[in-house]
Amino acid sequence: MRINTLITALAFVAVFGIVCLIADQRGERGALAGGGPERFSGPTQSGPIAVTPDDRYVWVANPDNNSVSVLEVAGDVNRKLAEIPVGIEPRNVAIAPDGKTVYVSNTVSGTVSVIRANPRHPRVERTIRVGTEPYGMAFTPNGSRLYVANARSNDVSVIRAGRDEVV
């Protein structure tokens, strides 16, 4: 169990390092340093549970039944609003920094599900094929790219947010 936790932590560090390296090579260093394009203040990485930037909703991966759930938590309501079917064995959820889109890594499917984040009527808008066993995900601070660490193919897929395509 400790080895899996260590591997996951190292994957997150590796993804962040790759994000910085690519951004630096593209001249986007200002975006990472706080200048340049708009920088969001919310979380930009993934986990099995993710909170929206406005702290009103929580999204949860449900690997046992191939779905994600959205819960309303503002004002301590704490109720499930919806359960959305996604690919096989979803592991992590990443919410775009603007809060409008939710991305789910589906490890067995080798895909990322793209969900319109309307909590009352969420739906999968697109499914993107990535590498083998996608796991951790991280957005660039300005939200323009999503990096997906693929555990078994030992690579990283880069998704252009907004267009939702692998670049």
Foldseek 3Di string as FASTA:
>chain_A
DVVVVVVVVVLVVVLVVVLCVVCVVVVVNQLQVVDDADFFDDFFKKFQWDAAPVRQWIWGQDQVQQWIWIFGCPPHPTDTQDIAHDAHRWGIWGAQSVRQWIWTFHQQVQWIFIWGRPRNDIYTPDIAHHDHGWHMWGARRNRQWIWTQHVPVRDIWIAGPPVGYTD
